[in-house]
Amino acid sequence: MLNRLEMSMPFVEALEQIPQYTKFMMELLTKKRKPLEDETVKLTEECSAILQRKLPQKKNDPGSFTIPCSIGNLHIGKVLCDLGSTVNLM
């Protein structure tokens, strides 16, 4: 069944991203479970994308959004702009 498996990421990382398949794959790889010849495993959209190498390309950091600013006679070349977006890191 697993004569050939190609991934563009480390296998452990793929397993971490697909926790519902971790137990199944580990059982197959440690030979605790024998695959049936006609067995079908349903894949989620994320798993299918990983196996088919259809993940989006990583983009470079766009940097900070800055604009020139003047207050009276004081001229500041680059002022950080608040776009009103927030990111929750919890």
Protein backbone atom coordinates (compact mmCIF):
# COMPACT_ATOMS: atom_id res chain seq x y z
CA MET A 1 0.00 0.00 0.00
CA LEU A 2 2.68 2.52 0.96
CA ASN A 3 5.29 1.53 -1.61
CA ARG A 4 5.84 5.16 -2.50
CA LEU A 5 4.93 8.23 -0.46
CA GLU A 6 6.20 11.66 -1.52
CA MET A 7 5.78 14.78 0.60
CA SER A 8 7.33 18.20 0.37
CA MET A 9 7.45 18.55 4.17
CA PRO A 10 8.82 16.42 7.01
CA PHE A 11 6.57 13.45 7.77
CA VAL A 12 6.28 14.38 11.45
CA GLU A 13 5.12 17.89 10.52
CA ALA A 14 2.48 16.45 8.20
CA LEU A 15 1.23 14.20 11.00
CA GLU A 16 1.02 17.18 13.36
CA GLN A 17 -1.11 19.04 10.83
CA ILE A 18 -3.43 16.08 10.36
CA PRO A 19 -4.11 14.77 13.87
CA GLN A 20 -7.11 12.65 12.85
CA TYR A 21 -4.82 10.50 10.66
CA THR A 22 -1.90 10.23 13.07
CA LYS A 23 -3.10 7.10 14.81
CA PHE A 24 -4.05 5.41 11.52
CA MET A 25 -0.67 6.16 9.89
CA MET A 26 1.33 5.17 12.97
CA GLU A 27 -0.49 1.84 13.16
CA LEU A 28 0.32 1.20 9.50
CA LEU A 29 3.96 2.20 9.84
CA THR A 30 4.59 0.19 13.01
CA LYS A 31 2.79 -2.78 11.42
CA LYS A 32 0.26 -3.03 14.25
CA ARG A 33 -2.41 -2.84 11.59
CA LYS A 34 -2.35 -4.48 8.18
CA PRO A 35 -3.97 -2.53 5.36
CA LEU A 36 -6.64 -4.24 3.35
CA GLU A 37 -6.15 -4.38 -0.42
CA ASP A 38 -9.38 -2.50 -1.21
CA GLU A 39 -9.40 -0.23 1.83
CA THR A 40 -10.33 3.40 1.23
CA VAL A 41 -9.39 6.23 3.58
CA LYS A 42 -11.33 9.49 3.36
CA LEU A 43 -9.11 12.56 3.22
CA THR A 44 -10.00 16.02 4.40
CA GLU A 45 -9.36 18.98 2.13
CA GLU A 46 -6.20 19.88 4.08
CA CYS A 47 -4.78 16.35 3.92
CA SER A 48 -5.52 16.08 0.21
CA ALA A 49 -3.80 19.41 -0.43
CA ILE A 50 -0.69 18.29 1.45
CA LEU A 51 -0.42 14.99 -0.39
CA GLN A 52 -1.03 16.63 -3.76
CA ARG A 53 1.44 19.47 -3.03
CA LYS A 54 -1.23 22.10 -3.63
CA LEU A 55 -0.37 24.26 -0.64
CA PRO A 56 -0.23 28.00 -1.30
CA GLN A 57 3.23 29.47 -1.79
CA LYS A 58 4.69 31.38 1.14
CA LYS A 59 4.91 35.11 0.57
CA ASN A 60 7.49 37.55 1.92
CA ASP A 61 6.63 39.90 4.77
CA PRO A 62 5.12 43.05 3.22
CA GLY A 63 6.72 45.21 5.93
CA SER A 64 5.19 48.10 7.81
CA PHE A 65 2.60 50.46 6.33
CA THR A 66 4.08 53.95 6.70
CA ILE A 67 3.18 57.40 5.37
CA PRO A 68 4.86 60.82 5.51
CA CYS A 69 3.41 63.07 8.22
CA SER A 70 3.55 66.80 8.95
CA ILE A 71 2.30 68.52 12.11
CA GLY A 72 2.77 72.26 11.76
CA ASN A 73 6.44 72.84 10.93
CA LEU A 74 7.45 69.35 12.12
CA HIS A 75 7.92 66.96 9.18
CA ILE A 76 8.31 63.23 9.87
CA GLY A 77 9.33 61.03 6.93
CA LYS A 78 7.82 57.70 7.93
CA VAL A 79 4.96 57.35 10.42
CA LEU A 80 3.47 53.96 11.19
CA CYS A 81 -0.16 53.79 10.07
CA ASP A 82 -2.80 52.00 12.17
CA LEU A 83 -4.93 49.90 9.83
CA GLY A 84 -7.33 48.97 12.62
CA SER A 85 -6.64 45.24 12.33
CA THR A 86 -5.80 43.05 15.31
CA VAL A 87 -4.21 39.65 15.74
CA ASN A 88 -4.96 37.44 18.72
CA LEU A 89 -1.96 35.22 19.53
CA MET A 90 -3.68 33.15 22.21
